[in-house]
Protein backbone atom coordinates (compact mmCIF):
# COMPACT_ATOMS: atom_id res chain seq x y z
CA UNK A 1 -58.11 -25.14 -74.28
CA UNK A 2 -55.25 -23.11 -72.91
CA UNK A 3 -53.19 -25.16 -70.57
CA UNK A 4 -54.75 -26.36 -67.28
CA UNK A 5 -52.55 -24.20 -65.03
CA UNK A 6 -53.76 -21.16 -66.96
CA UNK A 7 -57.35 -22.16 -66.17
CA UNK A 8 -56.47 -22.62 -62.50
CA UNK A 9 -54.92 -19.14 -62.46
CA UNK A 10 -58.07 -17.66 -63.95
CA UNK A 11 -60.14 -19.34 -61.27
CA UNK A 12 -57.75 -18.09 -58.59
CA UNK A 13 -57.06 -21.64 -57.48
CA UNK A 14 -53.35 -21.49 -56.89
CA UNK A 15 -52.73 -21.41 -53.17
CA UNK A 16 -56.22 -22.43 -52.04
CA UNK A 17 -56.60 -25.75 -53.81
CA UNK A 18 -59.75 -27.02 -55.45
CA UNK A 19 -61.32 -28.62 -52.39
CA UNK A 20 -63.09 -25.43 -51.34
CA UNK A 21 -64.92 -25.11 -54.68
CA UNK A 22 -68.42 -26.41 -55.14
CA UNK A 23 -69.35 -28.22 -58.32
CA UNK A 24 -71.80 -25.39 -58.99
CA UNK A 25 -69.00 -22.77 -58.87
CA UNK A 26 -66.80 -24.87 -61.15
CA UNK A 27 -69.63 -25.22 -63.66
CA UNK A 28 -70.47 -21.50 -63.45
CA UNK A 29 -66.86 -20.57 -64.15
CA UNK A 30 -66.66 -23.04 -67.03
CA UNK A 31 -69.91 -21.74 -68.58
CA UNK A 32 -68.51 -18.22 -68.34
CA UNK A 33 -65.33 -19.33 -70.16
CA UNK A 34 -67.45 -20.98 -72.88
CA UNK A 35 -69.56 -17.79 -73.28
CA UNK A 36 -66.40 -15.70 -73.64
CA UNK A 37 -65.20 -18.12 -76.31
CA UNK A 38 -62.07 -19.00 -74.35
CA UNK A 39 -62.92 -22.72 -74.42
CA UNK A 40 -65.34 -24.96 -76.30
CA UNK A 41 -68.22 -26.83 -74.66
CA UNK A 42 -66.28 -30.11 -74.93
CA UNK A 43 -63.23 -28.51 -73.33
CA UNK A 44 -65.49 -27.13 -70.62
CA UNK A 45 -66.93 -30.57 -69.84
CA UNK A 46 -63.43 -32.03 -69.74
CA UNK A 47 -62.27 -29.22 -67.46
CA UNK A 48 -65.14 -29.77 -65.00
CA UNK A 49 -64.36 -33.51 -64.88
CA UNK A 50 -60.67 -32.80 -64.28
CA UNK A 51 -61.42 -30.34 -61.47
CA UNK A 52 -63.82 -32.77 -59.76
CA UNK A 53 -61.25 -35.56 -60.15
CA UNK A 54 -58.58 -33.33 -58.61
CA UNK A 55 -60.94 -32.48 -55.74
CA UNK A 56 -61.50 -36.17 -55.05
CA UNK A 57 -57.74 -36.84 -55.14
CA UNK A 58 -57.01 -33.98 -52.73
CA UNK A 59 -59.74 -35.13 -50.33
CA UNK A 60 -58.36 -38.71 -50.34
CA UNK A 61 -54.85 -37.41 -49.70
CA UNK A 62 -56.06 -35.33 -46.76
CA UNK A 63 -58.08 -38.26 -45.39
CA UNK A 64 -55.04 -40.55 -45.60
CA UNK A 65 -52.85 -37.99 -43.82
CA UNK A 66 -55.45 -37.55 -41.07
CA UNK A 67 -55.84 -41.31 -40.62
CA UNK A 68 -52.06 -41.71 -40.48
CA UNK A 69 -51.77 -38.99 -37.81
CA UNK A 70 -54.61 -40.52 -35.79
CA UNK A 71 -52.90 -43.94 -35.88
CA UNK A 72 -49.55 -42.38 -34.88
CA UNK A 73 -51.15 -40.53 -31.96
CA UNK A 74 -53.03 -43.63 -30.79
CA UNK A 75 -49.83 -45.63 -30.94
CA UNK A 76 -47.93 -42.96 -28.97
CA UNK A 77 -50.69 -42.70 -26.37
CA UNK A 78 -50.68 -46.45 -25.79
CA UNK A 79 -54.33 -46.87 -26.73
CA UNK A 80 -55.04 -50.45 -27.73
CA UNK A 81 -56.76 -50.92 -31.07
CA UNK A 82 -59.69 -53.30 -31.55
CA UNK A 83 -57.57 -55.33 -34.00
CA UNK A 84 -54.86 -55.70 -31.31
CA UNK A 85 -57.43 -57.02 -28.84
CA UNK A 86 -58.82 -59.50 -31.40
CA UNK A 87 -55.30 -60.73 -32.11
CA UNK A 88 -54.65 -61.22 -28.39
CA UNK A 89 -57.96 -63.06 -27.97
CA UNK A 90 -56.98 -65.50 -30.74
CA UNK A 91 -53.60 -66.11 -29.09
CA UNK A 92 -55.26 -66.71 -25.71
CA UNK A 93 -57.71 -69.20 -27.26
CA UNK A 94 -54.79 -71.05 -28.85
CA UNK A 95 -52.93 -71.13 -25.55
CA UNK A 96 -56.02 -72.40 -23.72
CA UNK A 97 -56.46 -75.21 -26.25
CA UNK A 98 -52.78 -76.10 -25.98
CA UNK A 99 -52.98 -76.16 -22.17
CA UNK A 100 -56.15 -78.30 -22.27
CA UNK A 101 -54.56 -80.80 -24.65
CA UNK A 102 -51.46 -81.00 -22.45
CA UNK A 103 -53.59 -81.45 -19.32
CA UNK A 104 -55.49 -84.34 -20.94
CA UNK A 105 -52.29 -86.32 -21.57
């Protein structure tokens, strides 16, 4: 197989990323490359797997960036997270127990 970046160029993927491609489109393109004799069937299968793997990686990266931004914005806005409330509840329970044990003495 010619190098991967060459395949991406042929698919017109530079600049748009692979997220927007459907598996069907990737497989269609790959079958076309096999028919033209530019790659073997094995190379085609490998290429499809690599594209789908890259898609998954890009989606995870985007998801992480979105989650990070959401957390930053919540922090800036002063919104209290459920985990913060649970932590405070545990501290209050501890304090109540401490106060009760002091009061009993």
